[in-house]
Amino acid sequence: MKKTLLALAALSAYAGIAQADESASALSGSSVTLYGVFDASIHYISDVQVAQDKGENGRRGKPLYGMSGAGLQQTRFGLQVVEKLNNNMAALAVLEGGVNFNNGRSGQGGTLFGRKAYGGLTGDFGTLTLGRQGDTLGDFVGSLQASNRWGSQTAHPGNVDEGVQLNNSIKFASPDFNGFSFGGQYSFGNVVGKISEKQAWTVGAGYKYGPLALGVGYLKAHHPNLSIYGNNTDDKSQNHVGFAGLTGEQENTIFSGYASARWLEIVGAGFNVTAGPVLFGATYANTRFRHLNDPDSGELNLTNPRGFKGSVTFNTGEASIDYQLTPALTAGVSYSFTQSSNITKTKGARYHQGNLGLKYGLSKRTKVYLVGSYQKASGTDSTALASRASIAGLTPSNSPKQTAVRLGINHNF
């Protein structure tokens, strides 16, 4: 009897929602779309840092066999509302949250709608939105990287040049002008009496014509340890060593030691070109952590334990090729190289990473995939220790080398 009552209640609620939505659509031309991605995989990681061995570089860690999400894409769900207005305009709102497939928790540090939470207007003039949303650099350059097609495992070490989510932001995206488009975004710091504190801004432009896609972008953030990375982590202390340096349960040593930077600057460019069944791609990015040892970045004994001063630069280049073997089967290969500059008598680090992948479409919305990555590190990392491999999205290695393989399924709805 209890189950019957629950079923009737659920059916009644659904009927009410459907009727309300139908009435709203008839009156104002509005629409509500529920969408998402389910992505789950089993993985093998050759060398994983264990807690008691942390910092003992050269001592081999343990292999890990397990299950995870975020193979080709992060598991997510979203809600989009669009209302048609006069003069070819529309009001829109988007709420999108990432989901950790392993335990059901929200992604982006446990934030319910951590991927997107914005609203605004769109029309012939372009699109103007306000809220939490991806940065313009990622729109124009990140979209050309291999990780956009093959998942976070193939991203560059530490995601040091990747796009980010910006809180309190106002964003403009232009319409298409014969293949050319541009955009910009400003994120307010919301600090009383200090308009520049924790602010960030980004601009970008792109061009698409036939098989060619080009993109350039720039991002600048004040006190990135708080303005960017502090908005994408479980740690809310505002003093953690490098918020974006968190990978799995461990500290990412690629740039966590530079958390005391006053400014973060990223400039990037890239292209994709398609020739028959083959897609060629290449990107380049220059990332700078400027004016280290700034006390306003957090407690210096945490954000700058090595006492670094000055600035440090990362240069990252990537080349990739995808080949459409059959209408359903795609193969891909990519290579990236990341190098950081020397700082305060400390030699910089170098990271080589190669990736191989296969995707097979079971339908237009469902595919299975196999992705393998290998990374080799050398030099000295941001903690002034010998560099350790750290494939993006995975727990770092305890040695200079790491291999990861994923076998999974991806479904878009």
Protein backbone atom coordinates (compact mmCIF):
# COMPACT_ATOMS: atom_id res chain seq x y z
CA MET A 1 0.00 0.00 0.00
CA LYS A 2 2.83 2.37 0.93
CA LYS A 3 4.57 1.77 -2.41
CA THR A 4 1.30 2.41 -4.28
CA LEU A 5 0.76 5.74 -2.51
CA LEU A 6 4.33 6.83 -3.25
CA ALA A 7 3.92 5.93 -6.92
CA LEU A 8 0.65 7.88 -7.17
CA ALA A 9 2.24 10.89 -5.47
CA ALA A 10 5.19 10.85 -7.86
CA LEU A 11 2.90 10.52 -10.88
CA SER A 12 0.73 13.38 -9.65
CA ALA A 13 3.79 15.63 -9.15
CA TYR A 14 5.09 14.81 -12.61
CA ALA A 15 1.70 15.55 -14.19
CA GLY A 16 1.58 18.91 -12.38
CA ILE A 17 5.07 19.88 -13.55
CA ALA A 18 4.36 18.82 -17.12
CA GLN A 19 1.09 20.79 -17.16
CA ALA A 20 2.78 23.90 -15.72
CA ASP A 21 5.58 23.68 -18.26
CA GLU A 22 3.11 23.23 -21.12
CA SER A 23 1.13 26.28 -19.99
CA ALA A 24 4.27 28.41 -19.65
CA SER A 25 5.47 27.36 -23.09
CA ALA A 26 2.14 28.19 -24.67
CA LEU A 27 2.05 31.65 -23.06
CA SER A 28 5.63 32.83 -23.46
CA GLY A 29 7.45 30.43 -25.79
CA SER A 30 9.67 29.14 -23.00
CA SER A 31 11.41 25.77 -22.90
CA VAL A 32 13.04 23.70 -20.19
CA THR A 33 15.71 21.16 -21.13
CA LEU A 34 17.22 18.56 -18.81
CA TYR A 35 20.51 17.16 -20.12
CA GLY A 36 23.60 15.38 -18.90
CA VAL A 37 26.46 12.96 -19.32
CA PHE A 38 27.04 9.55 -17.76
CA ASP A 39 30.69 8.46 -17.94
CA ALA A 40 32.20 5.56 -16.01
CA SER A 41 35.44 3.66 -16.43
CA ILE A 42 37.72 1.13 -14.83
CA HIS A 43 41.36 2.17 -14.67
CA TYR A 44 44.89 1.03 -14.01
CA ILE A 45 47.54 3.43 -12.68
CA SER A 46 51.08 2.10 -12.59
CA ASP A 47 52.51 4.14 -9.74
CA VAL A 48 50.47 5.91 -7.08
CA GLN A 49 51.93 7.91 -4.22
CA VAL A 50 51.07 6.41 -0.84
CA ALA A 51 50.66 8.71 2.15
CA GLN A 52 53.53 7.38 4.23
CA ASP A 53 55.94 7.70 1.30
CA LYS A 54 54.98 11.25 0.38
CA GLY A 55 58.02 13.24 -0.62
CA GLU A 56 60.33 10.24 -0.91
CA ASN A 57 60.91 10.62 -4.61
CA GLY A 58 62.43 7.63 -6.31
CA ARG A 59 60.74 5.16 -4.00
CA ARG A 60 58.24 3.43 -6.22
CA GLY A 61 54.61 3.76 -5.21
CA LYS A 62 51.87 1.16 -5.56
CA PRO A 63 49.79 0.28 -8.64
CA LEU A 64 46.09 1.05 -8.43
CA TYR A 65 43.16 -0.77 -10.02
CA GLY A 66 39.81 0.91 -9.59
CA MET A 67 36.77 2.64 -10.99
CA SER A 68 36.24 6.30 -11.73
CA GLY A 69 34.21 8.79 -13.71
CA ALA A 70 35.50 11.64 -15.88
CA GLY A 71 36.96 9.41 -18.57
CA LEU A 72 36.02 11.17 -21.81
CA GLN A 73 33.82 13.65 -19.92
CA GLN A 74 32.87 14.31 -16.33
CA THR A 75 29.54 12.82 -15.31
CA ARG A 76 27.11 15.72 -15.00
CA PHE A 77 23.52 16.86 -15.14
CA GLY A 78 22.14 20.21 -16.16
CA LEU A 79 19.01 22.28 -16.57
CA GLN A 80 18.59 24.94 -19.25
CA VAL A 81 15.67 27.37 -19.36
CA VAL A 82 15.05 29.60 -22.39
CA GLU A 83 12.23 32.14 -22.78
CA LYS A 84 11.67 33.82 -26.14
CA LEU A 85 11.31 37.60 -25.98
CA ASN A 86 10.59 40.30 -28.51
CA ASN A 87 13.09 41.55 -31.13
CA ASN A 88 14.65 38.12 -31.68
CA MET A 89 15.91 38.01 -28.09
CA ALA A 90 15.67 35.33 -25.42
CA ALA A 91 16.29 35.09 -21.69
CA LEU A 92 18.23 32.05 -20.56
CA ALA A 93 19.43 30.34 -17.39
CA VAL A 94 21.69 27.31 -16.95
CA LEU A 95 22.42 25.20 -13.87
CA GLU A 96 24.94 22.38 -14.32
CA GLY A 97 26.62 20.21 -11.72
CA GLY A 98 29.38 17.64 -11.96
CA VAL A 99 28.96 14.30 -10.21
CA ASN A 100 31.63 12.01 -8.80
CA PHE A 101 30.57 8.63 -10.18
CA ASN A 102 32.42 6.73 -7.44
CA ASN A 103 30.39 8.03 -4.50
CA GLY A 104 27.63 10.26 -5.87
CA ARG A 105 29.08 13.46 -4.43
CA SER A 106 28.99 16.72 -6.34
CA GLY A 107 32.11 17.62 -8.27
CA GLN A 108 34.05 20.91 -8.17
CA GLY A 109 34.72 20.64 -4.44
CA GLY A 110 31.23 19.46 -3.52
CA THR A 111 29.44 22.44 -5.12
CA LEU A 112 25.95 21.45 -6.30
CA PHE A 113 26.10 23.46 -9.54
CA GLY A 114 29.86 23.85 -9.68
CA ARG A 115 30.19 23.57 -13.46
CA LYS A 116 27.72 26.29 -14.46
CA ALA A 117 25.26 28.57 -12.69
CA TYR A 118 24.41 31.60 -14.80
CA GLY A 119 21.65 33.50 -16.54
CA GLY A 120 21.33 36.33 -19.03
CA LEU A 121 20.17 37.43 -22.45
CA THR A 122 20.95 36.27 -25.98
CA GLY A 123 20.07 37.72 -29.37
CA ASP A 124 21.45 39.25 -32.53
CA PHE A 125 23.89 41.28 -30.41
CA GLY A 126 25.45 38.11 -28.92
CA THR A 127 25.08 36.58 -25.45
CA LEU A 128 25.48 38.37 -22.11
CA THR A 129 25.45 36.23 -18.96
CA LEU A 130 26.15 36.61 -15.22
CA GLY A 131 27.14 34.00 -12.63
CA ARG A 132 29.60 31.09 -12.35
CA GLN A 133 30.77 30.07 -15.81
CA GLY A 134 33.74 28.77 -17.77
CA ASP A 135 36.36 31.30 -18.80
CA THR A 136 36.76 32.72 -22.31
CA LEU A 137 40.30 31.34 -22.67
CA GLY A 138 38.87 27.82 -22.36
CA ASP A 139 36.14 28.60 -24.90
CA PHE A 140 38.57 29.57 -27.64
CA VAL A 141 41.77 27.60 -26.86
CA GLY A 142 40.82 24.79 -24.46
CA SER A 143 38.23 23.59 -26.95
CA LEU A 144 41.06 22.87 -29.43
CA GLN A 145 43.12 20.68 -27.08
CA ALA A 146 43.15 16.88 -27.22
CA SER A 147 41.62 16.70 -23.74
CA ASN A 148 38.42 18.21 -25.16
CA ARG A 149 38.06 15.04 -27.28
CA TRP A 150 39.81 12.41 -25.12
CA GLY A 151 39.20 13.44 -21.53
CA SER A 152 41.02 14.88 -18.51
CA GLN A 153 43.64 12.10 -18.43
CA THR A 154 45.13 13.53 -21.64
CA ALA A 155 45.25 17.10 -20.28
CA HIS A 156 48.53 18.88 -19.67
CA PRO A 157 50.40 18.25 -16.39
CA GLY A 158 48.72 20.03 -13.51
CA ASN A 159 46.15 21.59 -15.86
CA VAL A 160 48.44 24.58 -15.53
CA ASP A 161 47.13 26.22 -18.71
CA GLU A 162 43.56 24.93 -18.70
CA GLY A 163 40.34 26.91 -18.54
CA VAL A 164 38.70 27.46 -15.14
CA GLN A 165 35.32 28.28 -13.64
CA LEU A 166 34.99 31.92 -12.56
CA ASN A 167 32.59 33.02 -9.83
CA ASN A 168 30.77 36.38 -9.76
CA SER A 169 31.48 36.89 -13.45
CA ILE A 170 29.88 38.83 -16.27
CA LYS A 171 30.59 37.37 -19.71
CA PHE A 172 29.97 38.44 -23.28
CA ALA A 173 30.15 36.22 -26.38
CA SER A 174 29.75 37.84 -29.79
CA PRO A 175 27.63 36.46 -32.62
CA ASP A 176 29.32 34.80 -35.59
CA PHE A 177 30.69 37.26 -38.16
CA ASN A 178 31.38 35.07 -41.21
CA GLY A 179 33.33 32.62 -39.06
CA PHE A 180 34.92 35.18 -36.71
CA SER A 181 33.84 35.51 -33.08
CA PHE A 182 35.20 37.02 -29.87
CA GLY A 183 34.37 37.34 -26.20
CA GLY A 184 35.38 38.66 -22.81
CA GLN A 185 34.70 38.07 -19.15
CA TYR A 186 35.25 39.85 -15.82
CA SER A 187 35.05 38.19 -12.40
CA PHE A 188 34.43 40.46 -9.40
CA GLY A 189 36.44 39.74 -6.26
CA ASN A 190 33.61 40.91 -3.97
CA VAL A 191 36.11 42.24 -1.39
CA VAL A 192 34.98 45.33 0.51
CA GLY A 193 37.05 48.40 -0.34
CA LYS A 194 39.39 46.55 -2.74
CA ILE A 195 38.03 46.38 -6.27
CA SER A 196 41.10 44.59 -7.64
CA GLU A 197 41.36 41.98 -4.87
CA LYS A 198 40.59 38.44 -6.13
CA GLN A 199 39.44 39.76 -9.50
CA ALA A 200 40.03 37.95 -12.80
CA TRP A 201 39.43 38.78 -16.43
CA THR A 202 39.82 36.96 -19.72
CA VAL A 203 39.40 37.65 -23.44
CA GLY A 204 39.55 35.51 -26.55
CA ALA A 205 38.80 35.29 -30.26
CA GLY A 206 38.38 32.56 -32.83
CA TYR A 207 37.84 31.89 -36.50
CA LYS A 208 36.13 28.92 -38.15
CA TYR A 209 35.93 28.33 -41.87
CA GLY A 210 35.24 24.93 -43.36
CA PRO A 211 37.79 22.45 -41.94
CA LEU A 212 39.83 25.13 -40.12
CA ALA A 213 39.38 26.35 -36.53
CA LEU A 214 41.68 28.93 -34.89
CA GLY A 215 41.65 30.33 -31.36
CA VAL A 216 43.58 32.71 -29.09
CA GLY A 217 42.95 33.74 -25.50
CA TYR A 218 44.33 35.51 -22.44
CA LEU A 219 43.53 35.28 -18.71
CA LYS A 220 44.77 37.35 -15.76
CA ALA A 221 43.82 36.65 -12.15
CA HIS A 222 44.72 38.47 -8.92
CA HIS A 223 45.79 36.17 -6.07
CA PRO A 224 44.81 33.00 -7.98
CA ASN A 225 45.20 30.86 -4.85
CA LEU A 226 42.01 32.53 -3.61
CA SER A 227 40.26 33.94 -6.68
CA ILE A 228 40.35 30.82 -8.88
CA TYR A 229 41.65 27.71 -7.16
CA GLY A 230 39.88 28.41 -3.87
CA ASN A 231 36.57 28.17 -5.70
CA ASN A 232 37.17 24.62 -6.97
CA THR A 233 38.18 22.53 -3.97
CA ASP A 234 36.89 20.89 -0.81
CA ASP A 235 39.37 22.90 1.29
CA LYS A 236 37.76 26.19 2.31
CA SER A 237 40.49 27.37 4.69
CA GLN A 238 41.71 29.92 2.11
CA ASN A 239 45.26 29.12 3.18
CA HIS A 240 45.86 25.73 1.62
CA VAL A 241 49.02 25.28 -0.42
CA GLY A 242 47.80 25.71 -4.00
CA PHE A 243 44.11 24.89 -4.29
CA ALA A 244 44.40 23.78 -7.93
CA GLY A 245 47.30 21.58 -6.88
CA LEU A 246 44.87 19.06 -5.46
CA THR A 247 44.70 15.82 -7.43
CA GLY A 248 42.81 12.97 -5.85
CA GLU A 249 43.70 13.11 -2.16
CA GLN A 250 47.26 14.32 -2.63
CA GLU A 251 49.03 17.60 -3.22
CA ASN A 252 49.96 18.23 -6.83
CA THR A 253 53.56 19.37 -6.70
CA ILE A 254 53.72 20.69 -10.28
CA PHE A 255 52.82 24.23 -9.18
CA SER A 256 51.38 24.13 -5.66
CA GLY A 257 54.61 25.69 -4.39
CA TYR A 258 53.76 28.86 -6.33
CA ALA A 259 50.48 29.49 -4.50
CA SER A 260 51.80 32.77 -3.08
CA ALA A 261 51.66 34.48 -6.51
CA ARG A 262 50.07 37.92 -6.70
CA TRP A 263 49.11 37.39 -10.34
CA LEU A 264 48.43 34.48 -12.67
CA GLU A 265 48.67 35.14 -16.41
CA ILE A 266 47.92 32.66 -19.20
CA VAL A 267 48.13 33.33 -22.93
CA GLY A 268 47.31 30.56 -25.38
CA ALA A 269 46.67 29.84 -29.04
CA GLY A 270 45.82 26.82 -31.14
CA PHE A 271 44.27 25.36 -34.27
CA ASN A 272 42.40 22.31 -35.55
CA VAL A 273 42.23 21.39 -39.22
CA THR A 274 40.33 18.48 -40.75
CA ALA A 275 41.44 16.77 -43.95
CA GLY A 276 39.08 13.95 -44.89
CA PRO A 277 39.07 11.43 -42.02
CA VAL A 278 42.04 13.07 -40.25
CA LEU A 279 42.00 15.90 -37.70
CA PHE A 280 45.28 17.69 -36.93
CA GLY A 281 45.59 19.91 -33.88
CA ALA A 282 48.21 21.97 -32.06
CA THR A 283 48.17 24.38 -29.11
CA TYR A 284 50.68 26.49 -27.20
CA ALA A 285 50.35 28.25 -23.85
CA ASN A 286 52.54 30.46 -21.68
CA THR A 287 51.58 30.49 -17.98
CA ARG A 288 53.18 32.87 -15.47
CA PHE A 289 52.92 32.99 -11.67
CA ARG A 290 54.09 36.53 -10.96
CA HIS A 291 55.32 38.23 -7.78
CA LEU A 292 55.64 35.23 -5.49
CA ASN A 293 55.74 35.62 -1.69
CA ASP A 294 52.74 37.95 -1.56
CA PRO A 295 51.34 37.83 2.02
CA ASP A 296 47.80 38.53 0.79
CA SER A 297 47.76 35.16 -0.99
CA GLY A 298 47.41 33.36 2.36
CA GLU A 299 49.74 32.40 5.19
CA LEU A 300 53.21 32.33 3.63
CA ASN A 301 54.35 29.31 5.64
CA LEU A 302 51.64 27.41 3.73
CA THR A 303 51.52 29.16 0.35
CA ASN A 304 55.30 29.61 0.03
CA PRO A 305 57.13 27.16 2.31
CA ARG A 306 60.32 27.37 0.21
CA GLY A 307 60.49 31.15 0.29
CA PHE A 308 60.38 31.59 -3.50
CA LYS A 309 60.57 35.14 -4.87
CA GLY A 310 60.15 36.60 -8.31
CA SER A 311 58.14 34.87 -11.04
CA VAL A 312 58.00 31.45 -12.66
CA THR A 313 56.90 30.57 -16.19
CA PHE A 314 55.45 27.39 -17.71
CA ASN A 315 55.57 26.82 -21.47
CA THR A 316 53.36 24.06 -22.83
CA GLY A 317 53.05 22.77 -26.38
CA GLU A 318 50.76 20.05 -27.73
CA ALA A 319 50.30 18.22 -31.03
CA SER A 320 47.48 15.76 -31.75
CA ILE A 321 46.01 13.64 -34.55
CA ASP A 322 42.61 11.91 -34.71
CA TYR A 323 41.79 9.42 -37.46
CA GLN A 324 38.26 8.32 -38.33
CA LEU A 325 38.95 4.66 -39.14
CA THR A 326 35.28 3.84 -39.77
CA PRO A 327 32.04 5.81 -39.23
CA ALA A 328 31.93 4.36 -35.71
CA LEU A 329 35.62 3.96 -34.79
CA THR A 330 38.06 6.80 -34.06
CA ALA A 331 41.72 6.57 -33.05
CA GLY A 332 43.74 9.39 -31.54
CA VAL A 333 47.30 10.17 -30.52
CA SER A 334 48.67 13.27 -28.79
CA TYR A 335 51.89 14.51 -27.22
CA SER A 336 52.53 17.44 -24.90
CA PHE A 337 55.65 18.98 -23.39
CA THR A 338 55.62 21.29 -20.38
CA GLN A 339 58.66 23.12 -19.02
CA SER A 340 58.90 25.48 -16.06
CA SER A 341 61.60 28.11 -15.62
CA ASN A 342 64.29 28.22 -12.93
CA ILE A 343 63.48 30.14 -9.76
CA THR A 344 65.46 31.11 -6.63
CA LYS A 345 68.40 28.84 -7.34
CA THR A 346 66.00 25.99 -8.15
CA LYS A 347 66.14 24.26 -11.52
CA GLY A 348 62.85 24.05 -13.38
CA ALA A 349 60.86 20.93 -14.24
CA ARG A 350 60.04 19.18 -17.53
CA TYR A 351 57.11 16.91 -18.27
CA HIS A 352 56.68 14.75 -21.38
CA GLN A 353 53.32 13.06 -21.91
CA GLY A 354 52.01 10.81 -24.68
CA ASN A 355 48.42 9.59 -25.09
CA LEU A 356 46.69 6.96 -27.24
CA GLY A 357 42.97 6.43 -27.54
CA LEU A 358 40.18 4.50 -29.28
CA LYS A 359 36.47 5.40 -29.32
CA TYR A 360 33.69 3.22 -30.75
CA GLY A 361 30.19 4.62 -31.18
CA LEU A 362 27.44 2.19 -30.24
CA SER A 363 24.94 4.90 -31.19
CA LYS A 364 24.89 8.66 -31.71
CA ARG A 365 24.84 9.20 -27.95
CA THR A 366 26.69 6.18 -26.54
CA LYS A 367 30.28 5.11 -27.05
CA VAL A 368 32.89 2.89 -25.44
CA TYR A 369 36.52 3.98 -25.20
CA LEU A 370 40.05 2.95 -24.28
CA VAL A 371 42.61 5.64 -23.39
CA GLY A 372 46.23 5.17 -22.29
CA SER A 373 48.70 7.81 -21.08
CA TYR A 374 52.38 7.84 -20.13
CA GLN A 375 54.18 10.72 -18.43
CA LYS A 376 57.86 11.24 -17.61
CA ALA A 377 59.10 14.05 -15.36
CA SER A 378 62.57 15.46 -14.74
CA GLY A 379 64.18 18.46 -13.05
CA THR A 380 62.87 20.10 -9.87
CA ASP A 381 59.21 20.77 -9.10
CA SER A 382 57.54 23.61 -7.21
CA THR A 383 58.39 22.08 -3.83
CA ALA A 384 62.13 22.16 -4.65
CA LEU A 385 62.22 18.35 -4.81
CA ALA A 386 62.92 16.06 -7.76
CA SER A 387 59.91 16.16 -10.09
CA ARG A 388 57.33 13.40 -9.91
CA ALA A 389 54.96 12.38 -12.67
CA SER A 390 51.39 13.52 -12.15
CA ILE A 391 48.84 12.67 -14.86
CA ALA A 392 45.95 15.13 -14.69
CA GLY A 393 42.99 14.04 -12.59
CA LEU A 394 44.90 11.15 -10.96
CA THR A 395 46.86 10.75 -7.75
CA PRO A 396 50.51 11.71 -8.40
CA SER A 397 53.28 9.16 -8.76
CA ASN A 398 56.07 8.71 -6.25
CA SER A 399 58.60 8.49 -9.08
CA PRO A 400 59.37 10.35 -12.34
CA LYS A 401 57.20 7.97 -14.39
CA GLN A 402 53.50 7.10 -14.48
CA THR A 403 51.22 5.11 -16.79
CA ALA A 404 47.42 5.14 -16.74
CA VAL A 405 44.87 3.17 -18.78
CA ARG A 406 41.07 3.64 -18.79
CA LEU A 407 38.35 1.45 -20.30
CA GLY A 408 34.91 3.00 -20.09
CA ILE A 409 31.50 3.90 -21.45
CA ASN A 410 30.13 7.37 -22.19
CA HIS A 411 26.47 8.31 -22.70
CA ASN A 412 25.01 11.75 -23.44
CA PHE A 413 21.36 12.48 -22.82
